[in-house]
Amino acid sequence: MKIRPLNDRILVKRLESEAMTAGGIIIPDSAKEKPAEGEITAVGSGKLNDKGERVAMEVKVGDKVLFSKYGGTDVKIEGEDFLIMREDDILGVIE
């Protein structure tokens, strides 16, 4: 199944968080926080401005991004977990 986000929405796959601390302590899945970074897998066509013109997205497929911890909507597509969020929910692009 392919998903194409609409307008200024993006589809993000969360990156896995570290399972071990720097000191060597293994963190169980139940104690891990949801990672606040991910990779963009699909982008919409952009938001419409007041004049009805399409504003291009600043991010693209493949960008690694930071987003707010509770931003976006969790969705499951073909057994994989993704987030759908607006471009405004992205805090920055990791370079």
PDB file of N, CA and C in Angstrom:
ATOM      1  N   MET A   1       0.844  -1.172   0.000  1.00  0.00           N
ATOM      2  CA  MET A   1       0.000   0.000   0.000  1.00  0.00           C
ATOM      3  C   MET A   1       0.893   1.240   0.000  1.00  0.00           C
ATOM      4  N   LYS A   2       0.572   2.200  -0.840  1.00  0.00           N
ATOM      5  CA  LYS A   2       1.321   3.451  -0.876  1.00  0.00           C
ATOM      6  C   LYS A   2       0.443   4.554  -0.301  1.00  0.00           C
ATOM      7  N   ILE A   3       1.037   5.417   0.475  1.00  0.00           N
ATOM      8  CA  ILE A   3       0.330   6.547   1.075  1.00  0.00           C
ATOM      9  C   ILE A   3       0.940   7.833   0.528  1.00  0.00           C
ATOM     10  N   ARG A   4       0.083   8.742   0.089  1.00  0.00           N
ATOM     11  CA  ARG A   4       0.530  10.060  -0.359  1.00  0.00           C
ATOM     12  C   ARG A   4      -0.119  11.089   0.557  1.00  0.00           C
ATOM     13  N   PRO A   5       0.660  11.723   1.426  1.00  0.00           N
ATOM     14  CA  PRO A   5       0.098  12.731   2.325  1.00  0.00           C
ATOM     15  C   PRO A   5      -0.460  13.918   1.534  1.00  0.00           C
ATOM     16  N   LEU A   6      -1.467  14.564   2.066  1.00  0.00           N
ATOM     17  CA  LEU A   6      -2.078  15.712   1.414  1.00  0.00           C
ATOM     18  C   LEU A   6      -1.533  17.019   1.972  1.00  0.00           C
ATOM     19  N   ASN A   7      -1.558  18.040   1.134  1.00  0.00           N
ATOM     20  CA  ASN A   7      -1.167  19.409   1.487  1.00  0.00           C
ATOM     21  C   ASN A   7       0.199  19.465   2.164  1.00  0.00           C
ATOM     22  N   ASP A   8       0.280  20.012   3.390  1.00  0.00           N
ATOM     23  CA  ASP A   8       1.584  20.194   4.051  1.00  0.00           C
ATOM     24  C   ASP A   8       1.880  19.086   5.057  1.00  0.00           C
ATOM     25  N   ARG A   9       1.317  17.920   4.839  1.00  0.00           N
ATOM     26  CA  ARG A   9       1.574  16.794   5.748  1.00  0.00           C
ATOM     27  C   ARG A   9       2.717  15.934   5.215  1.00  0.00           C
ATOM     28  N   ILE A  10       3.374  15.246   6.157  1.00  0.00           N
ATOM     29  CA  ILE A  10       4.473  14.347   5.804  1.00  0.00           C
ATOM     30  C   ILE A  10       4.286  13.016   6.529  1.00  0.00           C
ATOM     31  N   LEU A  11       4.876  11.984   5.974  1.00  0.00           N
ATOM     32  CA  LEU A  11       4.859  10.649   6.585  1.00  0.00           C
ATOM     33  C   LEU A  11       6.273  10.372   7.085  1.00  0.00           C
ATOM     34  N   VAL A  12       6.396  10.073   8.373  1.00  0.00           N
ATOM     35  CA  VAL A  12       7.705   9.903   9.012  1.00  0.00           C
ATOM     36  C   VAL A  12       7.794   8.527   9.658  1.00  0.00           C
ATOM     37  N   LYS A  13       8.920   7.850   9.458  1.00  0.00           N
ATOM     38  CA  LYS A  13       9.215   6.595  10.148  1.00  0.00           C
ATOM     39  C   LYS A  13      10.180   6.930  11.269  1.00  0.00           C
ATOM     40  N   ARG A  14       9.772   6.605  12.504  1.00  0.00           N
ATOM     41  CA  ARG A  14      10.643   6.884  13.661  1.00  0.00           C
ATOM     42  C   ARG A  14      11.939   6.082  13.564  1.00  0.00           C
ATOM     43  N   LEU A  15      13.043   6.704  13.956  1.00  0.00           N
ATOM     44  CA  LEU A  15      14.316   6.003  14.062  1.00  0.00           C
ATOM     45  C   LEU A  15      14.366   5.322  15.419  1.00  0.00           C
ATOM     46  N   GLU A  16      14.944   4.147  15.477  1.00  0.00           N
ATOM     47  CA  GLU A  16      15.018   3.383  16.726  1.00  0.00           C
ATOM     48  C   GLU A  16      15.937   4.079  17.712  1.00  0.00           C
ATOM     49  N   SER A  17      15.539   4.084  18.970  1.00  0.00           N
ATOM     50  CA  SER A  17      16.371   4.669  20.015  1.00  0.00           C
ATOM     51  C   SER A  17      17.381   3.631  20.506  1.00  0.00           C
ATOM     52  N   GLU A  18      18.388   4.110  21.185  1.00  0.00           N
ATOM     53  CA  GLU A  18      19.438   3.238  21.705  1.00  0.00           C
ATOM     54  C   GLU A  18      18.876   2.288  22.758  1.00  0.00           C
ATOM     55  N   ALA A  19      19.292   1.029  22.719  1.00  0.00           N
ATOM     56  CA  ALA A  19      18.821   0.036  23.683  1.00  0.00           C
ATOM     57  C   ALA A  19      19.751  -0.057  24.884  1.00  0.00           C
ATOM     58  N   MET A  20      20.892   0.666  24.828  1.00  0.00           N
ATOM     59  CA  MET A  20      21.864   0.582  25.911  1.00  0.00           C
ATOM     60  C   MET A  20      22.388   1.987  26.212  1.00  0.00           C
ATOM     61  N   THR A  21      22.574   2.283  27.476  1.00  0.00           N
ATOM     62  CA  THR A  21      23.114   3.582  27.865  1.00  0.00           C
ATOM     63  C   THR A  21      24.619   3.601  27.630  1.00  0.00           C
ATOM     64  N   ALA A  22      25.215   4.771  27.778  1.00  0.00           N
ATOM     65  CA  ALA A  22      26.661   4.903  27.606  1.00  0.00           C
ATOM     66  C   ALA A  22      27.418   4.081  28.643  1.00  0.00           C
ATOM     67  N   GLY A  23      26.817   3.861  29.807  1.00  0.00           N
ATOM     68  CA  GLY A  23      27.443   3.076  30.870  1.00  0.00           C
ATOM     69  C   GLY A  23      27.261   1.578  30.709  1.00  0.00           C
ATOM     70  N   GLY A  24      26.514   1.137  29.675  1.00  0.00           N
ATOM     71  CA  GLY A  24      26.337  -0.283  29.425  1.00  0.00           C
ATOM     72  C   GLY A  24      25.070  -0.890  29.999  1.00  0.00           C
ATOM     73  N   ILE A  25      24.170  -0.063  30.536  1.00  0.00           N
ATOM     74  CA  ILE A  25      22.920  -0.575  31.085  1.00  0.00           C
ATOM     75  C   ILE A  25      21.913  -0.752  29.953  1.00  0.00           C
ATOM     76  N   ILE A  26      21.310  -1.930  29.877  1.00  0.00           N
ATOM     77  CA  ILE A  26      20.325  -2.212  28.832  1.00  0.00           C
ATOM     78  C   ILE A  26      18.963  -1.684  29.284  1.00  0.00           C
ATOM     79  N   ILE A  27      18.320  -0.917  28.399  1.00  0.00           N
ATOM     80  CA  ILE A  27      17.022  -0.321  28.706  1.00  0.00           C
ATOM     81  C   ILE A  27      15.925  -1.206  28.111  1.00  0.00           C
ATOM     82  N   PRO A  28      14.978  -1.697  28.931  1.00  0.00           N
ATOM     83  CA  PRO A  28      13.887  -2.513  28.388  1.00  0.00           C
ATOM     84  C   PRO A  28      12.929  -1.661  27.555  1.00  0.00           C
ATOM     85  N   ASP A  29      12.207  -2.295  26.622  1.00  0.00           N
ATOM     86  CA  ASP A  29      11.281  -1.580  25.745  1.00  0.00           C
ATOM     87  C   ASP A  29      10.236  -0.796  26.516  1.00  0.00           C
ATOM     88  N   SER A  30       9.784  -1.318  27.648  1.00  0.00           N
ATOM     89  CA  SER A  30       8.740  -0.645  28.416  1.00  0.00           C
ATOM     90  C   SER A  30       9.227   0.665  29.037  1.00  0.00           C
ATOM     91  N   ALA A  31      10.533   0.824  29.220  1.00  0.00           N
ATOM     92  CA  ALA A  31      11.073   2.028  29.855  1.00  0.00           C
ATOM     93  C   ALA A  31      11.604   3.042  28.837  1.00  0.00           C
ATOM     94  N   LYS A  32      11.647   2.669  27.566  1.00  0.00           N
ATOM     95  CA  LYS A  32      12.173   3.575  26.552  1.00  0.00           C
ATOM     96  C   LYS A  32      11.175   4.674  26.242  1.00  0.00           C
ATOM     97  N   GLU A  33      11.714   5.862  25.992  1.00  0.00           N
ATOM     98  CA  GLU A  33      10.883   6.953  25.505  1.00  0.00           C
ATOM     99  C   GLU A  33      10.778   6.842  23.996  1.00  0.00           C
ATOM    100  N   LYS A  34       9.681   7.347  23.453  1.00  0.00           N
ATOM    101  CA  LYS A  34       9.549   7.355  22.002  1.00  0.00           C
ATOM    102  C   LYS A  34      10.598   8.295  21.431  1.00  0.00           C
ATOM    103  N   PRO A  35      11.317   7.858  20.410  1.00  0.00           N
ATOM    104  CA  PRO A  35      12.325   8.753  19.829  1.00  0.00           C
ATOM    105  C   PRO A  35      11.671   9.947  19.154  1.00  0.00           C
ATOM    106  N   ALA A  36      12.330  11.089  19.212  1.00  0.00           N
ATOM    107  CA  ALA A  36      11.796  12.309  18.623  1.00  0.00           C
ATOM    108  C   ALA A  36      12.525  12.634  17.331  1.00  0.00           C
ATOM    109  N   GLU A  37      13.039  11.609  16.677  1.00  0.00           N
ATOM    110  CA  GLU A  37      13.654  11.826  15.369  1.00  0.00           C
ATOM    111  C   GLU A  37      13.232  10.696  14.440  1.00  0.00           C
ATOM    112  N   GLY A  38      13.216  11.014  13.156  1.00  0.00           N
ATOM    113  CA  GLY A  38      12.771  10.031  12.184  1.00  0.00           C
ATOM    114  C   GLY A  38      13.213  10.400  10.791  1.00  0.00           C
ATOM    115  N   GLU A  39      12.836   9.546   9.838  1.00  0.00           N
ATOM    116  CA  GLU A  39      13.182   9.760   8.437  1.00  0.00           C
ATOM    117  C   GLU A  39      11.894   9.939   7.644  1.00  0.00           C
ATOM    118  N   ILE A  40      11.871  10.944   6.799  1.00  0.00           N
ATOM    119  CA  ILE A  40      10.695  11.235   5.994  1.00  0.00           C
ATOM    120  C   ILE A  40      10.595  10.219   4.864  1.00  0.00           C
ATOM    121  N   THR A  41       9.423   9.591   4.738  1.00  0.00           N
ATOM    122  CA  THR A  41       9.213   8.598   3.688  1.00  0.00           C
ATOM    123  C   THR A  41       8.282   9.097   2.583  1.00  0.00           C
ATOM    124  N   ALA A  42       7.482  10.134   2.859  1.00  0.00           N
ATOM    125  CA  ALA A  42       6.607  10.720   1.838  1.00  0.00           C
ATOM    126  C   ALA A  42       6.235  12.140   2.256  1.00  0.00           C
ATOM    127  N   VAL A  43       6.058  13.019   1.266  1.00  0.00           N
ATOM    128  CA  VAL A  43       5.661  14.406   1.540  1.00  0.00           C
ATOM    129  C   VAL A  43       4.472  14.780   0.669  1.00  0.00           C
ATOM    130  N   GLY A  44       3.675  15.714   1.175  1.00  0.00           N
ATOM    131  CA  GLY A  44       2.549  16.231   0.406  1.00  0.00           C
ATOM    132  C   GLY A  44       3.015  17.282  -0.577  1.00  0.00           C
ATOM    133  N   SER A  45       2.071  17.893  -1.266  1.00  0.00           N
ATOM    134  CA  SER A  45       2.410  18.864  -2.311  1.00  0.00           C
ATOM    135  C   SER A  45       2.631  20.272  -1.778  1.00  0.00           C
ATOM    136  N   GLY A  46       2.336  20.522  -0.523  1.00  0.00           N
ATOM    137  CA  GLY A  46       2.561  21.834   0.069  1.00  0.00           C
ATOM    138  C   GLY A  46       1.256  22.514   0.431  1.00  0.00           C
ATOM    139  N   LYS A  47       1.361  23.551   1.238  1.00  0.00           N
ATOM    140  CA  LYS A  47       0.206  24.281   1.751  1.00  0.00           C
ATOM    141  C   LYS A  47      -0.213  25.365   0.754  1.00  0.00           C
ATOM    142  N   LEU A  48      -1.488  25.700   0.742  1.00  0.00           N
ATOM    143  CA  LEU A  48      -1.972  26.815  -0.075  1.00  0.00           C
ATOM    144  C   LEU A  48      -1.882  28.095   0.741  1.00  0.00           C
ATOM    145  N   ASN A  49      -1.384  29.180   0.101  1.00  0.00           N
ATOM    146  CA  ASN A  49      -1.335  30.460   0.803  1.00  0.00           C
ATOM    147  C   ASN A  49      -2.652  31.206   0.598  1.00  0.00           C
ATOM    148  N   ASP A  50      -2.736  32.449   1.058  1.00  0.00           N
ATOM    149  CA  ASP A  50      -3.973  33.229   0.981  1.00  0.00           C
ATOM    150  C   ASP A  50      -4.406  33.522  -0.454  1.00  0.00           C
ATOM    151  N   LYS A  51      -3.457  33.527  -1.376  1.00  0.00           N
ATOM    152  CA  LYS A  51      -3.769  33.807  -2.781  1.00  0.00           C
ATOM    153  C   LYS A  51      -4.136  32.541  -3.549  1.00  0.00           C
ATOM    154  N   GLY A  52      -4.104  31.390  -2.871  1.00  0.00           N
ATOM    155  CA  GLY A  52      -4.428  30.136  -3.533  1.00  0.00           C
ATOM    156  C   GLY A  52      -3.257  29.501  -4.254  1.00  0.00           C
ATOM    157  N   GLU A  53      -2.053  30.021  -4.019  1.00  0.00           N
ATOM    158  CA  GLU A  53      -0.846  29.469  -4.636  1.00  0.00           C
ATOM    159  C   GLU A  53      -0.246  28.415  -3.721  1.00  0.00           C
ATOM    160  N   ARG A  54       0.322  27.378  -4.303  1.00  0.00           N
ATOM    161  CA  ARG A  54       0.934  26.283  -3.558  1.00  0.00           C
ATOM    162  C   ARG A  54       2.329  26.706  -3.081  1.00  0.00           C
ATOM    163  N   VAL A  55       2.595  26.563  -1.772  1.00  0.00           N
ATOM    164  CA  VAL A  55       3.899  26.879  -1.189  1.00  0.00           C
ATOM    165  C   VAL A  55       4.684  25.568  -1.096  1.00  0.00           C
ATOM    166  N   ALA A  56       5.866  25.534  -1.685  1.00  0.00           N
ATOM    167  CA  ALA A  56       6.682  24.314  -1.723  1.00  0.00           C
ATOM    168  C   ALA A  56       7.126  23.902  -0.316  1.00  0.00           C
ATOM    169  N   MET A  57       7.276  22.594  -0.127  1.00  0.00           N
ATOM    170  CA  MET A  57       7.734  22.051   1.159  1.00  0.00           C
ATOM    171  C   MET A  57       9.244  22.291   1.299  1.00  0.00           C
ATOM    172  N   GLU A  58       9.695  22.524   2.529  1.00  0.00           N
ATOM    173  CA  GLU A  58      11.119  22.720   2.785  1.00  0.00           C
ATOM    174  C   GLU A  58      11.849  21.407   3.011  1.00  0.00           C
ATOM    175  N   VAL A  59      11.113  20.332   3.285  1.00  0.00           N
ATOM    176  CA  VAL A  59      11.720  19.024   3.526  1.00  0.00           C
ATOM    177  C   VAL A  59      11.440  18.112   2.336  1.00  0.00           C
ATOM    178  N   LYS A  60      12.227  17.045   2.234  1.00  0.00           N
ATOM    179  CA  LYS A  60      12.046  16.098   1.133  1.00  0.00           C
ATOM    180  C   LYS A  60      12.193  14.678   1.649  1.00  0.00           C
ATOM    181  N   VAL A  61      11.800  13.722   0.844  1.00  0.00           N
ATOM    182  CA  VAL A  61      11.909  12.307   1.199  1.00  0.00           C
ATOM    183  C   VAL A  61      13.376  11.980   1.462  1.00  0.00           C
ATOM    184  N   GLY A  62      13.625  11.256   2.548  1.00  0.00           N
ATOM    185  CA  GLY A  62      14.987  10.872   2.912  1.00  0.00           C
ATOM    186  C   GLY A  62      15.609  11.758   3.973  1.00  0.00           C
ATOM    187  N   ASP A  63      15.057  12.945   4.218  1.00  0.00           N
ATOM    188  CA  ASP A  63      15.590  13.833   5.264  1.00  0.00           C
ATOM    189  C   ASP A  63      15.388  13.196   6.632  1.00  0.00           C
ATOM    190  N   LYS A  64      16.385  13.329   7.491  1.00  0.00           N
ATOM    191  CA  LYS A  64      16.263  12.912   8.883  1.00  0.00           C
ATOM    192  C   LYS A  64      15.898  14.161   9.668  1.00  0.00           C
ATOM    193  N   VAL A  65      14.818  14.078  10.453  1.00  0.00           N
ATOM    194  CA  VAL A  65      14.284  15.264  11.111  1.00  0.00           C
ATOM    195  C   VAL A  65      14.060  15.037  12.600  1.00  0.00           C
ATOM    196  N   LEU A  66      14.035  16.146  13.341  1.00  0.00           N
ATOM    197  CA  LEU A  66      13.640  16.166  14.748  1.00  0.00           C
ATOM    198  C   LEU A  66      12.233  16.730  14.808  1.00  0.00           C
ATOM    199  N   PHE A  67      11.389  16.148  15.650  1.00  0.00           N
ATOM    200  CA  PHE A  67      10.021  16.642  15.788  1.00  0.00           C
ATOM    201  C   PHE A  67       9.631  16.621  17.249  1.00  0.00           C
ATOM    202  N   SER A  68       8.548  17.316  17.567  1.00  0.00           N
ATOM    203  CA  SER A  68       8.105  17.376  18.954  1.00  0.00           C
ATOM    204  C   SER A  68       7.698  15.984  19.428  1.00  0.00           C
ATOM    205  N   LYS A  69       7.941  15.706  20.690  1.00  0.00           N
ATOM    206  CA  LYS A  69       7.747  14.366  21.248  1.00  0.00           C
ATOM    207  C   LYS A  69       6.331  13.855  21.063  1.00  0.00           C
ATOM    208  N   TYR A  70       5.346  14.722  21.200  1.00  0.00           N
ATOM    209  CA  TYR A  70       3.956  14.299  21.104  1.00  0.00           C
ATOM    210  C   TYR A  70       3.296  14.781  19.816  1.00  0.00           C
ATOM    211  N   GLY A  71       4.088  15.174  18.830  1.00  0.00           N
ATOM    212  CA  GLY A  71       3.544  15.663  17.566  1.00  0.00           C
ATOM    213  C   GLY A  71       3.138  14.525  16.645  1.00  0.00           C
ATOM    214  N   GLY A  72       2.203  14.801  15.775  1.00  0.00           N
ATOM    215  CA  GLY A  72       1.801  13.839  14.758  1.00  0.00           C
ATOM    216  C   GLY A  72       0.777  12.833  15.236  1.00  0.00           C
ATOM    217  N   THR A  73       0.306  12.037  14.285  1.00  0.00           N
ATOM    218  CA  THR A  73      -0.676  10.986  14.547  1.00  0.00           C
ATOM    219  C   THR A  73      -0.051   9.648  14.210  1.00  0.00           C
ATOM    220  N   ASP A  74      -0.059   8.710  15.156  1.00  0.00           N
ATOM    221  CA  ASP A  74       0.495   7.382  14.920  1.00  0.00           C
ATOM    222  C   ASP A  74      -0.420   6.601  13.989  1.00  0.00           C
ATOM    223  N   VAL A  75       0.171   5.987  12.948  1.00  0.00           N
ATOM    224  CA  VAL A  75      -0.569   5.117  12.041  1.00  0.00           C
ATOM    225  C   VAL A  75       0.252   3.861  11.798  1.00  0.00           C
ATOM    226  N   LYS A  76      -0.426   2.762  11.513  1.00  0.00           N
ATOM    227  CA  LYS A  76       0.248   1.508  11.208  1.00  0.00           C
ATOM    228  C   LYS A  76      -0.076   1.165   9.756  1.00  0.00           C
ATOM    229  N   ILE A  77       0.965   1.026   8.931  1.00  0.00           N
ATOM    230  CA  ILE A  77       0.804   0.719   7.510  1.00  0.00           C
ATOM    231  C   ILE A  77       1.583  -0.548   7.216  1.00  0.00           C
ATOM    232  N   GLU A  78       0.876  -1.571   6.783  1.00  0.00           N
ATOM    233  CA  GLU A  78       1.474  -2.876   6.462  1.00  0.00           C
ATOM    234  C   GLU A  78       2.378  -3.376   7.591  1.00  0.00           C
ATOM    235  N   GLY A  79       1.913  -3.237   8.830  1.00  0.00           N
ATOM    236  CA  GLY A  79       2.636  -3.753   9.987  1.00  0.00           C
ATOM    237  C   GLY A  79       3.744  -2.863  10.511  1.00  0.00           C
ATOM    238  N   GLU A  80       4.005  -1.724   9.873  1.00  0.00           N
ATOM    239  CA  GLU A  80       5.053  -0.808  10.327  1.00  0.00           C
ATOM    240  C   GLU A  80       4.412   0.442  10.909  1.00  0.00           C
ATOM    241  N   ASP A  81       5.060   1.006  11.934  1.00  0.00           N
ATOM    242  CA  ASP A  81       4.550   2.211  12.584  1.00  0.00           C
ATOM    243  C   ASP A  81       5.123   3.458  11.926  1.00  0.00           C
ATOM    244  N   PHE A  82       4.242   4.410  11.637  1.00  0.00           N
ATOM    245  CA  PHE A  82       4.623   5.680  11.043  1.00  0.00           C
ATOM    246  C   PHE A  82       3.918   6.797  11.789  1.00  0.00           C
ATOM    247  N   LEU A  83       4.324   8.027  11.503  1.00  0.00           N
ATOM    248  CA  LEU A  83       3.650   9.221  12.001  1.00  0.00           C
ATOM    249  C   LEU A  83       3.242  10.069  10.803  1.00  0.00           C
ATOM    250  N   ILE A  84       2.042  10.613  10.851  1.00  0.00           N
ATOM    251  CA  ILE A  84       1.644  11.626   9.878  1.00  0.00           C
ATOM    252  C   ILE A  84       1.565  12.936  10.637  1.00  0.00           C
ATOM    253  N   MET A  85       2.296  13.942  10.153  1.00  0.00           N
ATOM    254  CA  MET A  85       2.326  15.228  10.839  1.00  0.00           C
ATOM    255  C   MET A  85       2.418  16.356   9.831  1.00  0.00           C
ATOM    256  N   ARG A  86       2.148  17.545  10.295  1.00  0.00           N
ATOM    257  CA  ARG A  86       2.292  18.734   9.458  1.00  0.00           C
ATOM    258  C   ARG A  86       3.757  19.153   9.430  1.00  0.00           C
ATOM    259  N   GLU A  87       4.121  19.850   8.381  1.00  0.00           N
ATOM    260  CA  GLU A  87       5.496  20.337   8.263  1.00  0.00           C
ATOM    261  C   GLU A  87       5.851  21.251   9.434  1.00  0.00           C
ATOM    262  N   ASP A  88       4.870  21.966   9.977  1.00  0.00           N
ATOM    263  CA  ASP A  88       5.110  22.868  11.105  1.00  0.00           C
ATOM    264  C   ASP A  88       5.542  22.136  12.372  1.00  0.00           C
ATOM    265  N   ASP A  89       5.219  20.822  12.483  1.00  0.00           N
ATOM    266  CA  ASP A  89       5.595  20.040  13.660  1.00  0.00           C
ATOM    267  C   ASP A  89       7.069  19.659  13.665  1.00  0.00           C
ATOM    268  N   ILE A  90       7.756  19.856  12.552  1.00  0.00           N
ATOM    269  CA  ILE A  90       9.186  19.530  12.465  1.00  0.00           C
ATOM    270  C   ILE A  90      10.001  20.656  13.086  1.00  0.00           C
ATOM    271  N   LEU A  91      10.897  20.271  13.986  1.00  0.00           N
ATOM    272  CA  LEU A  91      11.728  21.269  14.663  1.00  0.00           C
ATOM    273  C   LEU A  91      13.006  21.559  13.894  1.00  0.00           C
ATOM    274  N   GLY A  92      13.534  20.575  13.168  1.00  0.00           N
ATOM    275  CA  GLY A  92      14.752  20.792  12.408  1.00  0.00           C
ATOM    276  C   GLY A  92      15.131  19.570  11.595  1.00  0.00           C
ATOM    277  N   VAL A  93      16.021  19.790  10.632  1.00  0.00           N
ATOM    278  CA  VAL A  93      16.543  18.721   9.774  1.00  0.00           C
ATOM    279  C   VAL A  93      17.946  18.387  10.247  1.00  0.00           C
ATOM    280  N   ILE A  94      18.240  17.091  10.425  1.00  0.00           N
ATOM    281  CA  ILE A  94      19.560  16.642  10.855  1.00  0.00           C
ATOM    282  C   ILE A  94      20.439  16.516   9.619  1.00  0.00           C
ATOM    283  N   GLU A  95      21.585  17.184   9.632  1.00  0.00           N
ATOM    284  CA  GLU A  95      22.490  17.132   8.473  1.00  0.00           C
ATOM    285  C   GLU A  95      23.752  16.394   8.799  1.00  0.00           C
TER     286      GLU A  95
END
